[in-house]
Amino acid sequence: MRAYAQEVIRRYDVRCGGPGARAGSLSGGNLQKFIVGREIDSEPRVLIVNQPTWGVDAAAAASIRQALIDLAARGAGVIVISQDLDELMEIADNFCALYEGRLSAPRPVEGLSLDEIGLMLGGAQGMTEAQIEIQPEALA
């Protein structure tokens, strides 16, 4: 485990006191780098990440983005949830928008304009309602 932790620390440039450091002793950005790195290195078939580069420096963000691209290139399904539109446009093949509980159909990122993205984020452009069953007693 120590060797594995040391490898994640090295590969993702986690600044800490070594593989024995407690998670609580790491800064937010370094904890983020370690967790994302650990999950990517476990070679999942599907990875869902939320704000994967939030709180990390530019070099670490670039490294994490490339690791996500590489994971997808190896056949994993990678779903990235992010408020950083530039990040999404850099690493995604497809783009969806969630608006008031409705998810748009996926659209290829290539050729997708900022105007179209704005419409999707505002609830237009082929949005379908999420399938939610509401119990009648919940409406009372």
N, C-alpha and C. Protein backbone atom coordinates (compact mmCIF):
# COMPACT_ATOMS: atom_id res chain seq x y z
N MET A 1 0.82 -1.19 0.00
CA MET A 1 0.00 0.00 0.00
C MET A 1 0.87 1.26 0.00
N ARG A 2 1.95 1.22 0.76
CA ARG A 2 2.83 2.40 0.79
C ARG A 2 3.42 2.67 -0.59
N ALA A 3 3.84 1.61 -1.28
CA ALA A 3 4.42 1.78 -2.62
C ALA A 3 3.37 2.34 -3.58
N TYR A 4 2.14 1.86 -3.48
CA TYR A 4 1.06 2.35 -4.34
C TYR A 4 0.79 3.82 -4.03
N ALA A 5 0.69 4.17 -2.75
CA ALA A 5 0.45 5.56 -2.37
C ALA A 5 1.60 6.44 -2.86
N GLN A 6 2.82 5.96 -2.74
CA GLN A 6 3.98 6.73 -3.21
C GLN A 6 3.91 6.96 -4.71
N GLU A 7 3.46 5.97 -5.46
CA GLU A 7 3.34 6.11 -6.91
C GLU A 7 2.28 7.15 -7.28
N VAL A 8 1.13 7.14 -6.60
CA VAL A 8 0.08 8.14 -6.86
C VAL A 8 0.61 9.53 -6.50
N ILE A 9 1.31 9.63 -5.37
CA ILE A 9 1.88 10.90 -4.94
C ILE A 9 2.86 11.42 -6.00
N ARG A 10 3.69 10.55 -6.53
CA ARG A 10 4.68 10.95 -7.53
C ARG A 10 4.00 11.34 -8.85
N ARG A 11 3.10 10.47 -9.32
CA ARG A 11 2.49 10.67 -10.63
C ARG A 11 1.62 11.93 -10.69
N TYR A 12 0.93 12.25 -9.59
CA TYR A 12 0.01 13.38 -9.57
C TYR A 12 0.55 14.57 -8.78
N ASP A 13 1.83 14.53 -8.46
CA ASP A 13 2.51 15.64 -7.78
C ASP A 13 1.75 16.10 -6.54
N VAL A 14 1.41 15.13 -5.69
CA VAL A 14 0.72 15.44 -4.44
C VAL A 14 1.76 15.92 -3.44
N ARG A 15 1.57 17.11 -2.92
CA ARG A 15 2.51 17.68 -1.94
C ARG A 15 2.08 17.25 -0.55
N CYS A 16 2.86 16.37 0.04
CA CYS A 16 2.54 15.88 1.38
C CYS A 16 3.81 15.34 2.02
N GLY A 17 3.67 14.87 3.23
CA GLY A 17 4.81 14.36 3.97
C GLY A 17 5.18 12.93 3.62
N GLY A 18 4.63 12.37 2.57
CA GLY A 18 4.94 11.01 2.17
C GLY A 18 3.73 10.12 2.23
N PRO A 19 3.91 8.84 1.90
CA PRO A 19 2.77 7.92 1.82
C PRO A 19 2.09 7.64 3.16
N GLY A 20 2.72 8.00 4.26
CA GLY A 20 2.11 7.80 5.57
C GLY A 20 1.29 8.99 6.05
N ALA A 21 1.26 10.06 5.25
CA ALA A 21 0.53 11.26 5.66
C ALA A 21 -0.97 10.98 5.71
N ARG A 22 -1.62 11.53 6.72
CA ARG A 22 -3.07 11.38 6.85
C ARG A 22 -3.76 12.30 5.86
N ALA A 23 -4.88 11.84 5.35
CA ALA A 23 -5.65 12.64 4.38
C ALA A 23 -6.00 14.00 4.96
N GLY A 24 -6.33 14.05 6.24
CA GLY A 24 -6.71 15.31 6.88
C GLY A 24 -5.59 16.32 6.95
N SER A 25 -4.36 15.88 6.74
CA SER A 25 -3.22 16.81 6.79
C SER A 25 -2.94 17.46 5.43
N LEU A 26 -3.62 16.99 4.38
CA LEU A 26 -3.38 17.52 3.04
C LEU A 26 -4.23 18.76 2.78
N SER A 27 -3.71 19.67 1.96
CA SER A 27 -4.52 20.80 1.52
C SER A 27 -5.63 20.26 0.62
N GLY A 28 -6.65 21.08 0.38
CA GLY A 28 -7.76 20.65 -0.46
C GLY A 28 -7.32 20.24 -1.85
N GLY A 29 -6.44 21.02 -2.47
CA GLY A 29 -5.97 20.71 -3.80
C GLY A 29 -5.15 19.43 -3.85
N ASN A 30 -4.31 19.21 -2.84
CA ASN A 30 -3.51 17.99 -2.82
C ASN A 30 -4.36 16.77 -2.52
N LEU A 31 -5.36 16.91 -1.69
CA LEU A 31 -6.28 15.81 -1.44
C LEU A 31 -7.04 15.48 -2.72
N GLN A 32 -7.47 16.52 -3.44
CA GLN A 32 -8.17 16.34 -4.72
C GLN A 32 -7.28 15.57 -5.70
N LYS A 33 -6.01 15.97 -5.82
CA LYS A 33 -5.10 15.29 -6.75
C LYS A 33 -4.92 13.83 -6.35
N PHE A 34 -4.79 13.56 -5.06
CA PHE A 34 -4.57 12.19 -4.63
C PHE A 34 -5.79 11.32 -4.92
N ILE A 35 -6.98 11.80 -4.58
CA ILE A 35 -8.20 11.00 -4.77
C ILE A 35 -8.46 10.75 -6.25
N VAL A 36 -8.37 11.80 -7.07
CA VAL A 36 -8.60 11.63 -8.50
C VAL A 36 -7.55 10.67 -9.08
N GLY A 37 -6.30 10.86 -8.71
CA GLY A 37 -5.24 9.98 -9.19
C GLY A 37 -5.45 8.54 -8.79
N ARG A 38 -5.81 8.32 -7.54
CA ARG A 38 -6.07 6.96 -7.05
C ARG A 38 -7.17 6.30 -7.86
N GLU A 39 -8.25 7.04 -8.12
CA GLU A 39 -9.38 6.46 -8.85
C GLU A 39 -9.03 6.19 -10.31
N ILE A 40 -8.33 7.10 -10.95
CA ILE A 40 -7.94 6.89 -12.35
C ILE A 40 -7.00 5.69 -12.44
N ASP A 41 -6.04 5.61 -11.52
CA ASP A 41 -5.06 4.52 -11.56
C ASP A 41 -5.66 3.15 -11.25
N SER A 42 -6.87 3.12 -10.72
CA SER A 42 -7.50 1.82 -10.45
C SER A 42 -8.12 1.23 -11.72
N GLU A 43 -7.99 1.96 -12.85
CA GLU A 43 -8.47 1.51 -14.16
C GLU A 43 -9.94 1.07 -14.13
N PRO A 44 -10.85 1.96 -13.69
CA PRO A 44 -12.26 1.59 -13.66
C PRO A 44 -12.82 1.47 -15.07
N ARG A 45 -13.88 0.71 -15.22
CA ARG A 45 -14.57 0.62 -16.52
C ARG A 45 -15.42 1.86 -16.74
N VAL A 46 -15.92 2.44 -15.64
CA VAL A 46 -16.69 3.67 -15.69
C VAL A 46 -16.21 4.55 -14.54
N LEU A 47 -15.99 5.83 -14.84
CA LEU A 47 -15.58 6.78 -13.81
C LEU A 47 -16.46 8.01 -13.95
N ILE A 48 -17.10 8.40 -12.86
CA ILE A 48 -17.89 9.63 -12.82
C ILE A 48 -17.17 10.57 -11.87
N VAL A 49 -16.77 11.73 -12.39
CA VAL A 49 -16.06 12.70 -11.56
C VAL A 49 -16.80 14.03 -11.58
N ASN A 50 -16.83 14.67 -10.43
CA ASN A 50 -17.48 15.96 -10.27
C ASN A 50 -16.41 16.99 -9.93
N GLN A 51 -16.25 17.99 -10.77
CA GLN A 51 -15.27 19.06 -10.56
C GLN A 51 -13.87 18.48 -10.34
N PRO A 52 -13.35 17.69 -11.27
CA PRO A 52 -12.09 16.98 -11.03
C PRO A 52 -10.87 17.87 -10.83
N THR A 53 -10.92 19.10 -11.31
CA THR A 53 -9.74 19.96 -11.19
C THR A 53 -9.98 21.16 -10.29
N TRP A 54 -11.07 21.16 -9.56
CA TRP A 54 -11.40 22.28 -8.68
C TRP A 54 -10.36 22.36 -7.57
N GLY A 55 -9.74 23.52 -7.42
CA GLY A 55 -8.81 23.74 -6.31
C GLY A 55 -7.39 23.31 -6.55
N VAL A 56 -7.08 22.88 -7.77
CA VAL A 56 -5.70 22.48 -8.06
C VAL A 56 -5.06 23.51 -8.98
N ASP A 57 -3.74 23.56 -8.99
CA ASP A 57 -3.04 24.53 -9.84
C ASP A 57 -3.14 24.12 -11.30
N ALA A 58 -2.74 25.02 -12.19
CA ALA A 58 -2.89 24.80 -13.63
C ALA A 58 -2.17 23.55 -14.11
N ALA A 59 -0.97 23.31 -13.61
CA ALA A 59 -0.21 22.13 -14.04
C ALA A 59 -0.91 20.85 -13.59
N ALA A 60 -1.41 20.83 -12.37
CA ALA A 60 -2.11 19.65 -11.87
C ALA A 60 -3.42 19.45 -12.64
N ALA A 61 -4.11 20.55 -12.95
CA ALA A 61 -5.35 20.44 -13.72
C ALA A 61 -5.08 19.83 -15.09
N ALA A 62 -4.02 20.26 -15.73
CA ALA A 62 -3.67 19.71 -17.05
C ALA A 62 -3.34 18.23 -16.94
N SER A 63 -2.64 17.85 -15.88
CA SER A 63 -2.28 16.45 -15.67
C SER A 63 -3.53 15.59 -15.43
N ILE A 64 -4.45 16.08 -14.63
CA ILE A 64 -5.68 15.34 -14.34
C ILE A 64 -6.52 15.22 -15.62
N ARG A 65 -6.64 16.30 -16.37
CA ARG A 65 -7.41 16.26 -17.62
C ARG A 65 -6.82 15.24 -18.58
N GLN A 66 -5.50 15.24 -18.71
CA GLN A 66 -4.87 14.28 -19.62
C GLN A 66 -5.08 12.85 -19.13
N ALA A 67 -5.01 12.64 -17.83
CA ALA A 67 -5.24 11.29 -17.28
C ALA A 67 -6.67 10.83 -17.57
N LEU A 68 -7.64 11.73 -17.52
CA LEU A 68 -9.03 11.38 -17.85
C LEU A 68 -9.17 11.04 -19.33
N ILE A 69 -8.51 11.82 -20.18
CA ILE A 69 -8.53 11.55 -21.62
C ILE A 69 -7.90 10.19 -21.90
N ASP A 70 -6.77 9.92 -21.26
CA ASP A 70 -6.07 8.64 -21.46
C ASP A 70 -6.92 7.47 -20.98
N LEU A 71 -7.60 7.64 -19.85
CA LEU A 71 -8.47 6.58 -19.33
C LEU A 71 -9.58 6.28 -20.34
N ALA A 72 -10.19 7.31 -20.90
CA ALA A 72 -11.24 7.12 -21.91
C ALA A 72 -10.67 6.44 -23.15
N ALA A 73 -9.45 6.81 -23.54
CA ALA A 73 -8.82 6.21 -24.72
C ALA A 73 -8.56 4.72 -24.51
N ARG A 74 -8.43 4.30 -23.26
CA ARG A 74 -8.23 2.88 -22.96
C ARG A 74 -9.56 2.13 -22.86
N GLY A 75 -10.67 2.84 -23.16
CA GLY A 75 -11.96 2.16 -23.24
C GLY A 75 -12.90 2.39 -22.08
N ALA A 76 -12.50 3.16 -21.09
CA ALA A 76 -13.39 3.42 -19.95
C ALA A 76 -14.43 4.47 -20.34
N GLY A 77 -15.58 4.36 -19.73
CA GLY A 77 -16.57 5.42 -19.86
C GLY A 77 -16.27 6.47 -18.80
N VAL A 78 -16.07 7.70 -19.21
CA VAL A 78 -15.74 8.77 -18.27
C VAL A 78 -16.81 9.84 -18.38
N ILE A 79 -17.48 10.10 -17.27
CA ILE A 79 -18.48 11.15 -17.20
C ILE A 79 -17.93 12.24 -16.30
N VAL A 80 -17.81 13.44 -16.86
CA VAL A 80 -17.25 14.58 -16.13
C VAL A 80 -18.37 15.59 -15.90
N ILE A 81 -18.59 15.91 -14.64
CA ILE A 81 -19.54 16.95 -14.26
C ILE A 81 -18.70 18.14 -13.84
N SER A 82 -18.90 19.26 -14.50
CA SER A 82 -18.06 20.41 -14.20
C SER A 82 -18.77 21.70 -14.55
N GLN A 83 -18.45 22.74 -13.78
CA GLN A 83 -18.92 24.08 -14.09
C GLN A 83 -17.96 24.79 -15.02
N ASP A 84 -16.81 24.19 -15.26
CA ASP A 84 -15.77 24.78 -16.09
C ASP A 84 -15.99 24.37 -17.54
N LEU A 85 -16.65 25.23 -18.30
CA LEU A 85 -16.99 24.93 -19.68
C LEU A 85 -15.74 24.68 -20.52
N ASP A 86 -14.69 25.44 -20.30
CA ASP A 86 -13.44 25.22 -21.04
C ASP A 86 -12.91 23.82 -20.80
N GLU A 87 -12.99 23.37 -19.54
CA GLU A 87 -12.53 22.03 -19.19
C GLU A 87 -13.34 20.99 -19.95
N LEU A 88 -14.66 21.14 -19.95
CA LEU A 88 -15.51 20.18 -20.63
C LEU A 88 -15.23 20.14 -22.13
N MET A 89 -15.07 21.31 -22.73
CA MET A 89 -14.83 21.36 -24.16
C MET A 89 -13.46 20.78 -24.53
N GLU A 90 -12.53 20.83 -23.59
CA GLU A 90 -11.19 20.29 -23.84
C GLU A 90 -11.17 18.77 -23.77
N ILE A 91 -11.91 18.19 -22.84
CA ILE A 91 -11.75 16.75 -22.61
C ILE A 91 -12.92 15.90 -23.06
N ALA A 92 -14.07 16.50 -23.34
CA ALA A 92 -15.26 15.70 -23.64
C ALA A 92 -15.41 15.42 -25.13
N ASP A 93 -15.99 14.27 -25.42
CA ASP A 93 -16.41 13.95 -26.78
C ASP A 93 -17.84 14.40 -27.01
N ASN A 94 -18.65 14.30 -25.95
CA ASN A 94 -20.07 14.67 -26.02
C ASN A 94 -20.40 15.60 -24.86
N PHE A 95 -21.45 16.40 -25.04
CA PHE A 95 -21.86 17.37 -24.04
C PHE A 95 -23.35 17.22 -23.80
N CYS A 96 -23.74 17.23 -22.53
CA CYS A 96 -25.15 17.26 -22.11
C CYS A 96 -25.30 18.38 -21.10
N ALA A 97 -26.51 18.90 -21.00
CA ALA A 97 -26.79 19.93 -20.01
C ALA A 97 -27.96 19.47 -19.15
N LEU A 98 -27.88 19.76 -17.87
CA LEU A 98 -28.96 19.46 -16.94
C LEU A 98 -29.61 20.79 -16.57
N TYR A 99 -30.92 20.84 -16.75
CA TYR A 99 -31.66 22.06 -16.45
C TYR A 99 -32.99 21.69 -15.82
N GLU A 100 -33.21 22.13 -14.59
CA GLU A 100 -34.45 21.88 -13.85
C GLU A 100 -34.89 20.42 -13.92
N GLY A 101 -33.95 19.52 -13.66
CA GLY A 101 -34.27 18.10 -13.61
C GLY A 101 -34.38 17.43 -14.96
N ARG A 102 -34.08 18.14 -16.03
CA ARG A 102 -34.13 17.57 -17.37
C ARG A 102 -32.74 17.52 -17.96
N LEU A 103 -32.44 16.42 -18.62
CA LEU A 103 -31.13 16.22 -19.22
C LEU A 103 -31.28 16.28 -20.73
N SER A 104 -30.43 17.07 -21.35
CA SER A 104 -30.45 17.16 -22.81
C SER A 104 -29.89 15.89 -23.41
N ALA A 105 -30.20 15.68 -24.64
CA ALA A 105 -29.58 14.58 -25.39
C ALA A 105 -28.10 14.91 -25.57
N PRO A 106 -27.24 13.91 -25.57
CA PRO A 106 -25.81 14.19 -25.78
C PRO A 106 -25.58 14.74 -27.18
N ARG A 107 -24.70 15.72 -27.25
CA ARG A 107 -24.34 16.33 -28.53
C ARG A 107 -22.82 16.24 -28.67
N PRO A 108 -22.32 15.92 -29.85
CA PRO A 108 -20.87 15.91 -30.04
C PRO A 108 -20.29 17.31 -29.76
N VAL A 109 -19.20 17.34 -29.04
CA VAL A 109 -18.54 18.62 -28.71
C VAL A 109 -18.01 19.28 -29.97
N GLU A 110 -17.47 18.47 -30.87
CA GLU A 110 -16.92 19.03 -32.09
C GLU A 110 -18.02 19.74 -32.88
N GLY A 111 -17.81 21.01 -33.14
CA GLY A 111 -18.77 21.79 -33.89
C GLY A 111 -19.87 22.42 -33.06
N LEU A 112 -19.90 22.13 -31.76
CA LEU A 112 -20.92 22.70 -30.88
C LEU A 112 -20.54 24.15 -30.55
N SER A 113 -21.45 25.07 -30.83
CA SER A 113 -21.14 26.49 -30.61
C SER A 113 -21.50 26.92 -29.20
N LEU A 114 -20.92 28.02 -28.77
CA LEU A 114 -21.25 28.58 -27.46
C LEU A 114 -22.72 28.98 -27.40
N ASP A 115 -23.28 29.44 -28.52
CA ASP A 115 -24.71 29.78 -28.55
C ASP A 115 -25.57 28.55 -28.29
N GLU A 116 -25.21 27.43 -28.91
CA GLU A 116 -25.96 26.19 -28.71
C GLU A 116 -25.83 25.71 -27.27
N ILE A 117 -24.64 25.81 -26.72
CA ILE A 117 -24.43 25.42 -25.32
C ILE A 117 -25.27 26.30 -24.41
N GLY A 118 -25.29 27.60 -24.67
CA GLY A 118 -26.10 28.52 -23.88
C GLY A 118 -27.58 28.14 -23.92
N LEU A 119 -28.08 27.78 -25.09
CA LEU A 119 -29.47 27.35 -25.21
C LEU A 119 -29.71 26.06 -24.41
N MET A 120 -28.78 25.13 -24.49
CA MET A 120 -28.91 23.87 -23.75
C MET A 120 -28.92 24.15 -22.25
N LEU A 121 -28.02 25.02 -21.79
CA LEU A 121 -27.95 25.34 -20.37
C LEU A 121 -29.20 26.09 -19.89
N GLY A 122 -29.88 26.75 -20.83
CA GLY A 122 -31.11 27.47 -20.50
C GLY A 122 -32.36 26.63 -20.68
N GLY A 123 -32.21 25.36 -21.02
CA GLY A 123 -33.35 24.46 -21.10
C GLY A 123 -33.89 24.23 -22.50
N ALA A 124 -33.28 24.80 -23.51
CA ALA A 124 -33.74 24.60 -24.88
C ALA A 124 -32.91 23.51 -25.56
N GLN A 125 -33.19 23.30 -26.82
CA GLN A 125 -32.42 22.38 -27.65
C GLN A 125 -32.61 20.91 -27.29
N GLY A 126 -33.78 20.39 -27.47
CA GLY A 126 -34.01 18.95 -27.37
C GLY A 126 -33.93 18.37 -25.98
N MET A 127 -34.28 19.14 -24.98
CA MET A 127 -34.25 18.63 -23.61
C MET A 127 -35.39 17.62 -23.44
N THR A 128 -35.15 16.59 -22.66
CA THR A 128 -36.20 15.64 -22.33
C THR A 128 -36.35 15.64 -20.82
N GLU A 129 -37.56 15.47 -20.37
CA GLU A 129 -37.79 15.48 -18.93
C GLU A 129 -37.25 14.22 -18.29
N ALA A 130 -36.67 14.38 -17.12
CA ALA A 130 -36.20 13.23 -16.35
C ALA A 130 -37.41 12.41 -15.94
N GLN A 131 -37.25 11.11 -15.89
CA GLN A 131 -38.35 10.23 -15.51
C GLN A 131 -38.38 10.07 -13.99
N ILE A 132 -39.31 10.77 -13.36
CA ILE A 132 -39.43 10.75 -11.91
C ILE A 132 -40.88 10.37 -11.57
N GLU A 133 -41.02 9.36 -10.75
CA GLU A 133 -42.36 8.94 -10.33
C GLU A 133 -42.68 9.65 -9.02
N ILE A 134 -43.78 10.39 -9.00
CA ILE A 134 -44.19 11.11 -7.81
C ILE A 134 -45.39 10.39 -7.19
N GLN A 135 -45.28 10.09 -5.93
CA GLN A 135 -46.35 9.43 -5.22
C GLN A 135 -47.46 10.44 -4.95
N PRO A 136 -48.75 10.07 -5.13
CA PRO A 136 -49.84 11.01 -4.91
C PRO A 136 -49.83 11.64 -3.53
N GLU A 137 -49.43 10.89 -2.49
CA GLU A 137 -49.44 11.44 -1.13
C GLU A 137 -48.39 12.53 -0.96
N ALA A 138 -47.39 12.56 -1.83
CA ALA A 138 -46.37 13.60 -1.76
C ALA A 138 -46.91 14.94 -2.22
N LEU A 139 -48.01 14.93 -2.98
CA LEU A 139 -48.60 16.16 -3.50
C LEU A 139 -49.59 16.77 -2.52
N ALA A 140 -49.97 16.02 -1.50
CA ALA A 140 -50.98 16.52 -0.55
C ALA A 140 -50.41 17.53 0.40
